[in-house]
PDB file of N, CA and C in Angstrom:
ATOM      1  N   MET A   1      37.753  -8.867  -4.973  1.00  0.00           N
ATOM      2  CA  MET A   1      36.042  -9.798  -5.242  1.00  0.00           C
ATOM      3  C   MET A   1      34.897  -9.034  -4.268  1.00  0.00           C
ATOM      4  N   ILE A   2      35.687  -8.944  -2.749  1.00  0.00           N
ATOM      5  CA  ILE A   2      34.781  -8.178  -1.858  1.00  0.00           C
ATOM      6  C   ILE A   2      34.229  -7.010  -2.018  1.00  0.00           C
ATOM      7  N   ALA A   3      35.032  -6.392  -2.707  1.00  0.00           N
ATOM      8  CA  ALA A   3      34.761  -4.659  -3.176  1.00  0.00           C
ATOM      9  C   ALA A   3      34.212  -4.333  -4.512  1.00  0.00           C
ATOM     10  N   ASN A   4      34.483  -5.087  -5.500  1.00  0.00           N
ATOM     11  CA  ASN A   4      33.319  -5.282  -6.701  1.00  0.00           C
ATOM     12  C   ASN A   4      32.195  -6.065  -6.203  1.00  0.00           C
ATOM     13  N   ASN A   5      31.996  -7.155  -5.913  1.00  0.00           N
ATOM     14  CA  ASN A   5      30.977  -7.690  -5.314  1.00  0.00           C
ATOM     15  C   ASN A   5      30.016  -8.154  -4.301  1.00  0.00           C
ATOM     16  N   GLY A   6      30.862  -8.133  -3.267  1.00  0.00           N
ATOM     17  CA  GLY A   6      30.493  -7.663  -1.765  1.00  0.00           C
ATOM     18  C   GLY A   6      30.892  -8.972  -1.300  1.00  0.00           C
ATOM     19  N   VAL A   7      30.232  -9.695  -0.211  1.00  0.00           N
ATOM     20  CA  VAL A   7      31.344 -10.668   0.773  1.00  0.00           C
ATOM     21  C   VAL A   7      30.339 -11.998   0.036  1.00  0.00           C
ATOM     22  N   ARG A   8      29.283 -11.740  -0.249  1.00  0.00           N
ATOM     23  CA  ARG A   8      28.724 -13.376  -0.827  1.00  0.00           C
ATOM     24  C   ARG A   8      29.510 -13.842  -1.969  1.00  0.00           C
ATOM     25  N   SER A   9      30.427 -12.854  -2.861  1.00  0.00           N
ATOM     26  CA  SER A   9      30.651 -13.601  -3.974  1.00  0.00           C
ATOM     27  C   SER A   9      31.691 -14.525  -3.713  1.00  0.00           C
ATOM     28  N   LEU A  10      32.753 -14.582  -2.355  1.00  0.00           N
ATOM     29  CA  LEU A  10      33.340 -15.312  -1.723  1.00  0.00           C
ATOM     30  C   LEU A  10      32.714 -16.653  -1.786  1.00  0.00           C
ATOM     31  N   TYR A  11      31.598 -16.826  -1.611  1.00  0.00           N
ATOM     32  CA  TYR A  11      30.745 -18.267  -1.446  1.00  0.00           C
ATOM     33  C   TYR A  11      30.238 -18.352  -2.569  1.00  0.00           C
ATOM     34  N   SER A  12      30.486 -17.739  -4.053  1.00  0.00           N
ATOM     35  CA  SER A  12      29.860 -18.387  -5.368  1.00  0.00           C
ATOM     36  C   SER A  12      29.715 -19.401  -5.999  1.00  0.00           C
ATOM     37  N   GLY A  13      30.966 -20.339  -5.786  1.00  0.00           N
ATOM     38  CA  GLY A  13      31.228 -21.886  -6.198  1.00  0.00           C
ATOM     39  C   GLY A  13      30.833 -22.616  -5.116  1.00  0.00           C
ATOM     40  N   MET A  14      30.350 -22.336  -3.968  1.00  0.00           N
ATOM     41  CA  MET A  14      30.456 -23.617  -2.822  1.00  0.00           C
ATOM     42  C   MET A  14      29.043 -24.394  -2.911  1.00  0.00           C
ATOM     43  N   THR A  15      28.111 -24.042  -3.293  1.00  0.00           N
ATOM     44  CA  THR A  15      27.408 -25.154  -3.836  1.00  0.00           C
ATOM     45  C   THR A  15      27.362 -26.036  -4.773  1.00  0.00           C
ATOM     46  N   ALA A  16      28.393 -25.792  -5.834  1.00  0.00           N
ATOM     47  CA  ALA A  16      28.439 -26.741  -6.885  1.00  0.00           C
ATOM     48  C   ALA A  16      29.751 -27.589  -6.258  1.00  0.00           C
ATOM     49  N   SER A  17      30.641 -26.620  -5.338  1.00  0.00           N
ATOM     50  CA  SER A  17      31.792 -27.967  -4.620  1.00  0.00           C
ATOM     51  C   SER A  17      31.426 -28.528  -3.795  1.00  0.00           C
ATOM     52  N   LEU A  18      30.368 -28.753  -2.979  1.00  0.00           N
ATOM     53  CA  LEU A  18      29.491 -29.570  -2.246  1.00  0.00           C
ATOM     54  C   LEU A  18      29.311 -30.438  -2.806  1.00  0.00           C
ATOM     55  N   LEU A  19      27.941 -29.814  -4.331  1.00  0.00           N
ATOM     56  CA  LEU A  19      27.597 -31.365  -5.000  1.00  0.00           C
ATOM     57  C   LEU A  19      28.759 -31.578  -5.490  1.00  0.00           C
ATOM     58  N   ARG A  20      29.924 -31.266  -5.956  1.00  0.00           N
ATOM     59  CA  ARG A  20      30.728 -32.579  -6.226  1.00  0.00           C
ATOM     60  C   ARG A  20      31.365 -33.089  -5.109  1.00  0.00           C
ATOM     61  N   GLN A  21      31.824 -32.850  -4.576  1.00  0.00           N
ATOM     62  CA  GLN A  21      32.084 -33.634  -3.167  1.00  0.00           C
ATOM     63  C   GLN A  21      31.106 -34.469  -2.678  1.00  0.00           C
ATOM     64  N   GLY A  22      29.895 -34.043  -2.518  1.00  0.00           N
ATOM     65  CA  GLY A  22      29.276 -35.242  -2.532  1.00  0.00           C
ATOM     66  C   GLY A  22      29.153 -36.735  -3.151  1.00  0.00           C
ATOM     67  N   THR A  23      28.894 -35.922  -4.730  1.00  0.00           N
ATOM     68  CA  THR A  23      28.558 -36.878  -5.910  1.00  0.00           C
ATOM     69  C   THR A  23      29.956 -37.864  -5.503  1.00  0.00           C
ATOM     70  N   TYR A  24      30.599 -37.272  -5.839  1.00  0.00           N
ATOM     71  CA  TYR A  24      32.098 -38.209  -5.457  1.00  0.00           C
ATOM     72  C   TYR A  24      32.276 -38.812  -4.388  1.00  0.00           C
ATOM     73  N   SER A  25      32.025 -38.215  -3.286  1.00  0.00           N
ATOM     74  CA  SER A  25      32.361 -39.225  -2.178  1.00  0.00           C
ATOM     75  C   SER A  25      31.536 -40.780  -2.123  1.00  0.00           C
ATOM     76  N   THR A  26      29.946 -40.344  -2.688  1.00  0.00           N
ATOM     77  CA  THR A  26      29.116 -41.484  -2.506  1.00  0.00           C
ATOM     78  C   THR A  26      29.532 -42.067  -3.745  1.00  0.00           C
ATOM     79  N   VAL A  27      29.520 -41.996  -4.686  1.00  0.00           N
ATOM     80  CA  VAL A  27      30.126 -42.795  -5.623  1.00  0.00           C
ATOM     81  C   VAL A  27      30.820 -43.438  -5.485  1.00  0.00           C
ATOM     82  N   ARG A  28      32.253 -42.979  -5.142  1.00  0.00           N
ATOM     83  CA  ARG A  28      33.557 -43.587  -4.626  1.00  0.00           C
ATOM     84  C   ARG A  28      33.126 -44.856  -4.007  1.00  0.00           C
ATOM     85  N   PHE A  29      32.894 -44.453  -2.384  1.00  0.00           N
ATOM     86  CA  PHE A  29      32.397 -45.216  -1.312  1.00  0.00           C
ATOM     87  C   PHE A  29      31.376 -46.577  -1.611  1.00  0.00           C
ATOM     88  N   ALA A  30      30.408 -45.875  -2.448  1.00  0.00           N
ATOM     89  CA  ALA A  30      29.621 -47.262  -2.794  1.00  0.00           C
ATOM     90  C   ALA A  30      30.460 -48.025  -3.759  1.00  0.00           C
ATOM     91  N   PHE A  31      31.046 -47.556  -4.739  1.00  0.00           N
ATOM     92  CA  PHE A  31      31.372 -48.471  -5.739  1.00  0.00           C
ATOM     93  C   PHE A  31      32.171 -49.506  -4.932  1.00  0.00           C
ATOM     94  N   TYR A  32      33.310 -48.641  -4.067  1.00  0.00           N
ATOM     95  CA  TYR A  32      33.761 -49.971  -3.385  1.00  0.00           C
ATOM     96  C   TYR A  32      33.644 -50.654  -2.335  1.00  0.00           C
ATOM     97  N   GLU A  33      32.436 -50.562  -1.937  1.00  0.00           N
ATOM     98  CA  GLU A  33      32.340 -51.269  -0.813  1.00  0.00           C
ATOM     99  C   GLU A  33      31.487 -52.698  -1.124  1.00  0.00           C
ATOM    100  N   ILE A  34      30.396 -52.510  -2.957  1.00  0.00           N
ATOM    101  CA  ILE A  34      30.118 -53.167  -3.856  1.00  0.00           C
ATOM    102  C   ILE A  34      30.453 -54.053  -4.237  1.00  0.00           C
ATOM    103  N   ALA A  35      31.780 -53.307  -4.602  1.00  0.00           N
ATOM    104  CA  ALA A  35      32.746 -54.285  -5.565  1.00  0.00           C
ATOM    105  C   ALA A  35      33.527 -55.211  -4.213  1.00  0.00           C
ATOM    106  N   LYS A  36      33.814 -54.770  -3.603  1.00  0.00           N
ATOM    107  CA  LYS A  36      34.484 -55.564  -2.262  1.00  0.00           C
ATOM    108  C   LYS A  36      33.401 -57.019  -1.567  1.00  0.00           C
ATOM    109  N   LYS A  37      32.083 -56.924  -1.737  1.00  0.00           N
ATOM    110  CA  LYS A  37      31.389 -57.633  -1.398  1.00  0.00           C
ATOM    111  C   LYS A  37      31.532 -58.553  -2.550  1.00  0.00           C
ATOM    112  N   ILE A  38      31.167 -58.136  -3.742  1.00  0.00           N
ATOM    113  CA  ILE A  38      31.145 -59.069  -4.999  1.00  0.00           C
ATOM    114  C   ILE A  38      32.452 -59.685  -4.851  1.00  0.00           C
ATOM    115  N   VAL A  39      33.278 -59.063  -4.906  1.00  0.00           N
ATOM    116  CA  VAL A  39      35.091 -60.144  -4.901  1.00  0.00           C
ATOM    117  C   VAL A  39      35.019 -61.357  -3.497  1.00  0.00           C
ATOM    118  N   MET A  40      34.812 -60.814  -2.797  1.00  0.00           N
ATOM    119  CA  MET A  40      34.439 -61.661  -1.580  1.00  0.00           C
ATOM    120  C   MET A  40      34.136 -62.856  -1.860  1.00  0.00           C
ATOM    121  N   GLU A  41      32.485 -62.556  -2.625  1.00  0.00           N
ATOM    122  CA  GLU A  41      31.699 -63.703  -2.844  1.00  0.00           C
ATOM    123  C   GLU A  41      31.998 -64.598  -3.626  1.00  0.00           C
ATOM    124  N   LYS A  42      32.708 -64.100  -4.508  1.00  0.00           N
ATOM    125  CA  LYS A  42      33.557 -64.831  -5.884  1.00  0.00           C
ATOM    126  C   LYS A  42      34.071 -65.692  -5.356  1.00  0.00           C
ATOM    127  N   THR A  43      35.211 -65.091  -4.377  1.00  0.00           N
ATOM    128  CA  THR A  43      36.519 -65.889  -4.038  1.00  0.00           C
ATOM    129  C   THR A  43      36.282 -66.975  -3.070  1.00  0.00           C
ATOM    130  N   GLY A  44      34.825 -66.784  -2.399  1.00  0.00           N
ATOM    131  CA  GLY A  44      34.333 -67.071  -1.219  1.00  0.00           C
ATOM    132  C   GLY A  44      35.627 -67.204   0.012  1.00  0.00           C
ATOM    133  N   GLN A  45      36.618 -66.076   0.280  1.00  0.00           N
ATOM    134  CA  GLN A  45      37.502 -65.462   1.027  1.00  0.00           C
ATOM    135  C   GLN A  45      36.492 -64.593   2.325  1.00  0.00           C
ATOM    136  N   GLY A  46      36.611 -64.665   3.363  1.00  0.00           N
ATOM    137  CA  GLY A  46      36.325 -63.448   4.031  1.00  0.00           C
ATOM    138  C   GLY A  46      36.822 -62.358   4.278  1.00  0.00           C
ATOM    139  N   ASP A  47      38.032 -62.084   3.824  1.00  0.00           N
ATOM    140  CA  ASP A  47      39.046 -61.013   3.010  1.00  0.00           C
ATOM    141  C   ASP A  47      39.465 -60.900   1.870  1.00  0.00           C
ATOM    142  N   ILE A  48      40.140 -59.863   1.344  1.00  0.00           N
ATOM    143  CA  ILE A  48      40.542 -60.270   0.082  1.00  0.00           C
ATOM    144  C   ILE A  48      41.869 -59.129   0.204  1.00  0.00           C
ATOM    145  N   SER A  49      42.752 -59.779  -0.968  1.00  0.00           N
ATOM    146  CA  SER A  49      44.175 -59.351  -0.555  1.00  0.00           C
ATOM    147  C   SER A  49      44.236 -57.651  -0.863  1.00  0.00           C
ATOM    148  N   PHE A  50      45.500 -57.436  -0.121  1.00  0.00           N
ATOM    149  CA  PHE A  50      45.821 -56.123  -0.331  1.00  0.00           C
ATOM    150  C   PHE A  50      45.651 -54.906  -1.606  1.00  0.00           C
ATOM    151  N   TYR A  51      46.235 -56.070  -2.820  1.00  0.00           N
ATOM    152  CA  TYR A  51      46.606 -55.636  -4.335  1.00  0.00           C
ATOM    153  C   TYR A  51      45.004 -55.393  -4.899  1.00  0.00           C
ATOM    154  N   LYS A  52      43.855 -56.140  -3.948  1.00  0.00           N
ATOM    155  CA  LYS A  52      42.685 -56.251  -4.969  1.00  0.00           C
ATOM    156  C   LYS A  52      41.893 -54.837  -4.020  1.00  0.00           C
ATOM    157  N   LYS A  53      42.179 -54.627  -2.755  1.00  0.00           N
ATOM    158  CA  LYS A  53      41.712 -53.073  -2.517  1.00  0.00           C
ATOM    159  C   LYS A  53      42.366 -52.505  -3.172  1.00  0.00           C
ATOM    160  N   VAL A  54      43.375 -52.078  -3.562  1.00  0.00           N
ATOM    161  CA  VAL A  54      43.992 -51.220  -3.970  1.00  0.00           C
ATOM    162  C   VAL A  54      43.707 -50.685  -5.314  1.00  0.00           C
ATOM    163  N   VAL A  55      43.056 -51.895  -6.003  1.00  0.00           N
ATOM    164  CA  VAL A  55      42.363 -51.864  -7.285  1.00  0.00           C
ATOM    165  C   VAL A  55      41.193 -51.465  -7.300  1.00  0.00           C
ATOM    166  N   LEU A  56      40.630 -52.226  -6.478  1.00  0.00           N
ATOM    167  CA  LEU A  56      39.051 -51.776  -6.355  1.00  0.00           C
ATOM    168  C   LEU A  56      38.992 -50.215  -6.129  1.00  0.00           C
ATOM    169  N   ALA A  57      39.779 -49.983  -5.123  1.00  0.00           N
ATOM    170  CA  ALA A  57      40.039 -48.409  -4.806  1.00  0.00           C
ATOM    171  C   ALA A  57      40.139 -47.567  -5.811  1.00  0.00           C
ATOM    172  N   GLY A  58      40.952 -47.647  -6.534  1.00  0.00           N
ATOM    173  CA  GLY A  58      41.393 -46.874  -7.743  1.00  0.00           C
ATOM    174  C   GLY A  58      40.311 -46.900  -8.593  1.00  0.00           C
ATOM    175  N   LEU A  59      39.312 -47.468  -8.692  1.00  0.00           N
ATOM    176  CA  LEU A  59      38.474 -48.274  -9.852  1.00  0.00           C
ATOM    177  C   LEU A  59      37.879 -46.799  -9.600  1.00  0.00           C
ATOM    178  N   GLY A  60      37.557 -47.240  -7.996  1.00  0.00           N
ATOM    179  CA  GLY A  60      36.056 -46.347  -7.440  1.00  0.00           C
ATOM    180  C   GLY A  60      36.603 -44.290  -7.616  1.00  0.00           C
ATOM    181  N   GLY A  61      37.714 -44.219  -7.501  1.00  0.00           N
ATOM    182  CA  GLY A  61      38.191 -42.959  -7.102  1.00  0.00           C
ATOM    183  C   GLY A  61      38.176 -42.400  -8.787  1.00  0.00           C
ATOM    184  N   GLY A  62      38.286 -43.381  -9.901  1.00  0.00           N
ATOM    185  CA  GLY A  62      38.036 -42.911 -11.110  1.00  0.00           C
ATOM    186  C   GLY A  62      36.556 -42.984 -11.480  1.00  0.00           C
ATOM    187  N   LEU A  63      35.964 -43.804 -11.183  1.00  0.00           N
ATOM    188  CA  LEU A  63      34.654 -43.643 -11.147  1.00  0.00           C
ATOM    189  C   LEU A  63      33.978 -42.227 -10.488  1.00  0.00           C
ATOM    190  N   GLY A  64      34.260 -42.106  -9.277  1.00  0.00           N
ATOM    191  CA  GLY A  64      34.126 -41.070  -8.826  1.00  0.00           C
ATOM    192  C   GLY A  64      33.902 -39.903  -9.514  1.00  0.00           C
ATOM    193  N   SER A  65      35.175 -39.692  -9.911  1.00  0.00           N
ATOM    194  CA  SER A  65      35.835 -38.819 -10.823  1.00  0.00           C
ATOM    195  C   SER A  65      35.218 -38.209 -11.667  1.00  0.00           C
ATOM    196  N   LEU A  66      34.571 -39.228 -12.916  1.00  0.00           N
ATOM    197  CA  LEU A  66      33.761 -39.237 -13.844  1.00  0.00           C
ATOM    198  C   LEU A  66      32.600 -38.989 -13.631  1.00  0.00           C
ATOM    199  N   PHE A  67      32.168 -39.299 -12.206  1.00  0.00           N
ATOM    200  CA  PHE A  67      30.464 -38.632 -12.027  1.00  0.00           C
ATOM    201  C   PHE A  67      30.674 -36.970 -11.190  1.00  0.00           C
ATOM    202  N   GLY A  68      31.719 -37.064 -10.841  1.00  0.00           N
ATOM    203  CA  GLY A  68      32.219 -35.794  -9.818  1.00  0.00           C
ATOM    204  C   GLY A  68      32.683 -34.620 -11.065  1.00  0.00           C
ATOM    205  N   SER A  69      33.018 -34.881 -12.343  1.00  0.00           N
ATOM    206  CA  SER A  69      33.810 -34.154 -13.246  1.00  0.00           C
ATOM    207  C   SER A  69      32.368 -32.782 -13.880  1.00  0.00           C
ATOM    208  N   PRO A  70      30.622 -33.064 -13.584  1.00  0.00           N
ATOM    209  CA  PRO A  70      30.270 -32.351 -14.434  1.00  0.00           C
ATOM    210  C   PRO A  70      29.900 -30.964 -13.063  1.00  0.00           C
ATOM    211  N   CYS A  71      29.657 -31.783 -12.255  1.00  0.00           N
ATOM    212  CA  CYS A  71      30.137 -30.411 -10.648  1.00  0.00           C
ATOM    213  C   CYS A  71      31.020 -29.597 -10.913  1.00  0.00           C
ATOM    214  N   ASP A  72      32.448 -30.191 -10.958  1.00  0.00           N
ATOM    215  CA  ASP A  72      33.425 -29.239 -11.179  1.00  0.00           C
ATOM    216  C   ASP A  72      33.711 -28.096 -12.281  1.00  0.00           C
ATOM    217  N   LEU A  73      32.918 -28.692 -13.678  1.00  0.00           N
ATOM    218  CA  LEU A  73      32.653 -27.583 -14.554  1.00  0.00           C
ATOM    219  C   LEU A  73      31.707 -26.822 -14.247  1.00  0.00           C
ATOM    220  N   VAL A  74      30.862 -26.903 -13.271  1.00  0.00           N
ATOM    221  CA  VAL A  74      29.561 -25.859 -12.869  1.00  0.00           C
ATOM    222  C   VAL A  74      30.158 -24.453 -11.695  1.00  0.00           C
ATOM    223  N   THR A  75      31.448 -25.520 -11.290  1.00  0.00           N
ATOM    224  CA  THR A  75      31.886 -24.510 -10.074  1.00  0.00           C
ATOM    225  C   THR A  75      33.107 -23.156 -11.172  1.00  0.00           C
ATOM    226  N   VAL A  76      33.605 -24.018 -12.075  1.00  0.00           N
ATOM    227  CA  VAL A  76      34.502 -23.306 -12.666  1.00  0.00           C
ATOM    228  C   VAL A  76      33.595 -22.426 -14.033  1.00  0.00           C
ATOM    229  N   CYS A  77      32.385 -22.732 -14.216  1.00  0.00           N
ATOM    230  CA  CYS A  77      31.470 -21.698 -15.076  1.00  0.00           C
ATOM    231  C   CYS A  77      30.438 -20.403 -13.935  1.00  0.00           C
ATOM    232  N   ILE A  78      30.676 -21.050 -12.595  1.00  0.00           N
ATOM    233  CA  ILE A  78      30.328 -19.931 -12.072  1.00  0.00           C
ATOM    234  C   ILE A  78      31.253 -18.668 -11.572  1.00  0.00           C
ATOM    235  N   LEU A  79      32.696 -19.077 -11.611  1.00  0.00           N
ATOM    236  CA  LEU A  79      33.835 -18.348 -11.023  1.00  0.00           C
ATOM    237  C   LEU A  79      34.363 -17.644 -12.226  1.00  0.00           C
ATOM    238  N   ILE A  80      33.801 -17.804 -13.350  1.00  0.00           N
ATOM    239  CA  ILE A  80      34.009 -16.913 -14.265  1.00  0.00           C
ATOM    240  C   ILE A  80      33.386 -15.670 -14.659  1.00  0.00           C
TER     241      ILE A  80
END
């Protein structure tokens, strides 16, 4: 890659990767915190059980992946 396109070619997908990571992480953490607060208010407890936290984390990760996938597509298209 360096011989054909130069050193800058090593960073060709970096912006899309950073956008994906920022989008994925922001959605994941925001969903988890908001959903945890809603569940705590509905149950009236100060803390929620471990399995509910696991379910919320899984849903947050899935939702984050859904929002982060278009950035993955951009990364792949840039590198091709």
